Protein backbone atom coordinates (compact mmCIF):
# COMPACT_ATOMS: atom_id res chain seq x y z
CA MET A 1 -0.32 95.34 -0.66
CA LYS A 2 -0.21 99.22 -1.95
CA ARG A 3 -3.50 101.14 -1.92
CA THR A 4 -4.28 104.88 -3.18
CA TYR A 5 -5.59 107.30 -0.49
CA THR A 6 -6.73 110.89 -0.40
CA ILE A 7 -5.62 112.84 2.33
CA GLN A 8 -7.64 116.00 3.30
CA TYR A 9 -7.12 118.32 5.97
CA ASP A 10 -8.76 121.70 7.23
CA LEU A 11 -6.33 123.79 9.73
CA TYR A 12 -7.97 125.79 12.05
CA LYS A 13 -5.21 127.74 13.97
CA GLN A 14 -4.81 131.34 13.18
CA GLY A 15 -1.60 132.58 11.49
CA GLN A 16 -0.04 129.00 12.30
CA SER A 17 2.13 127.49 9.40
CA TYR A 18 2.31 123.72 9.51
CA PRO A 19 5.77 123.45 8.16
CA THR A 20 5.93 119.67 8.86
CA LEU A 21 2.59 118.48 7.93
CA ILE A 22 3.15 118.47 3.67
CA PRO A 23 6.83 117.00 4.16
CA ALA A 24 5.12 114.00 6.76
CA ILE A 25 2.40 113.46 4.18
CA GLN A 26 4.63 113.38 1.20
CA LYS A 27 7.21 110.63 3.39
CA LEU A 28 3.69 108.32 3.84
CA GLY A 29 3.97 106.92 0.06
CA SER A 30 5.63 106.29 -2.50
CA ILE A 31 4.27 108.47 -5.06
CA CYS A 32 2.27 111.40 -4.03
CA VAL A 33 0.32 114.32 -6.06
CA LYS A 34 -1.44 117.47 -4.90
CA PRO A 35 -4.83 117.52 -6.70
CA LEU A 36 -6.62 120.07 -4.39
CA ALA A 37 -5.52 122.85 -2.26
CA SER A 38 -5.72 120.91 1.14
CA CYS A 39 -5.70 117.45 -0.10
CA PHE A 40 -2.92 115.11 -1.59
CA ALA A 41 -3.16 111.49 -2.96
CA ILE A 42 -0.55 108.84 -2.46
CA VAL A 43 0.23 105.07 -2.91
CA SER A 44 1.05 103.77 0.11
CA THR A 45 1.22 100.07 2.07
CA MET A 46 0.01 101.63 5.17
CA THR A 47 -3.62 101.39 6.26
CA ALA A 48 -5.85 104.97 6.53
CA ALA A 49 -5.71 104.67 10.41
CA GLN A 50 -1.58 104.07 10.21
CA ILE A 51 -1.51 107.35 7.91
CA ARG A 52 -4.33 109.36 10.40
CA ASP A 53 -1.90 108.11 13.36
CA ALA A 54 1.53 109.17 11.41
CA LEU A 55 0.06 112.87 10.73
CA LEU A 56 -1.53 113.32 14.36
CA PRO A 57 1.78 115.05 15.49
CA HIS A 58 1.66 117.44 12.84
CA LEU A 59 -1.70 118.78 13.73
CA ASP A 60 -3.68 120.97 16.30
CA ALA A 61 -6.18 119.19 18.27
CA ASN A 62 -9.35 121.38 16.52
CA ASP A 63 -7.86 120.50 12.97
CA ARG A 64 -9.72 118.23 10.80
CA LEU A 65 -8.39 115.28 8.99
CA LEU A 66 -9.77 112.63 6.51
CA VAL A 67 -8.08 109.85 4.93
CA THR A 68 -9.80 107.69 2.42
CA GLN A 69 -8.95 105.07 0.09
CA VAL A 70 -9.66 105.41 -3.34
CA GLY A 71 -11.81 102.97 -5.48
CA PRO A 72 -11.95 102.53 -9.13
CA ASP A 73 -15.26 104.54 -9.08
CA TRP A 74 -13.92 107.70 -9.07
CA ALA A 75 -14.51 110.95 -11.08
CA SER A 76 -12.94 114.69 -11.29
CA LEU A 77 -13.67 117.96 -12.57
CA ASN A 78 -10.85 120.64 -14.13
CA LEU A 79 -8.14 118.91 -12.45
CA PRO A 80 -4.58 119.73 -14.31
CA LYS A 81 -4.16 117.02 -17.10
CA GLU A 82 -1.11 115.46 -15.22
CA VAL A 83 -3.20 114.77 -11.90
CA ALA A 84 -5.94 113.30 -13.74
CA GLU A 85 -3.25 110.93 -15.54
CA TRP A 86 -1.94 110.14 -12.18
CA PHE A 87 -5.36 109.21 -10.87
CA LYS A 88 -5.53 107.01 -13.84
CA GLN A 89 -2.23 105.37 -13.39
CA ASN A 90 -2.48 104.91 -9.57
CA VAL A 91 -5.79 104.09 -8.52
CA GLY A 92 -7.01 100.14 -9.47
C-alpha cells in the first residue's frame, strides 16, 4: 500500500556535503517533493522504519532524521502553490 511520508533531517558535520543523501531520498518513493529546506515528502510502499534504515548509510552518527506518515489532517503556510497542490493530491 502506498503512503505519504515526510522525511526531515538535520545534518551536523561541519563542512561536509551529503552528495548521496538527496538522491537516496528521491529514490525511495514514486513521487517526491521538497516543501522545506531540510524536508522531503514522498509517496512510497515502504514503512517509516524501512525508509529510515535505507537512509542510515548516507548520514553521520550525530545527524538527526525524522520519518513520519502524513495523514488527512495536515495544514501549511506559505508553501509554493505547486507543493501545496502536491500534498492535496497525494495525502489521503
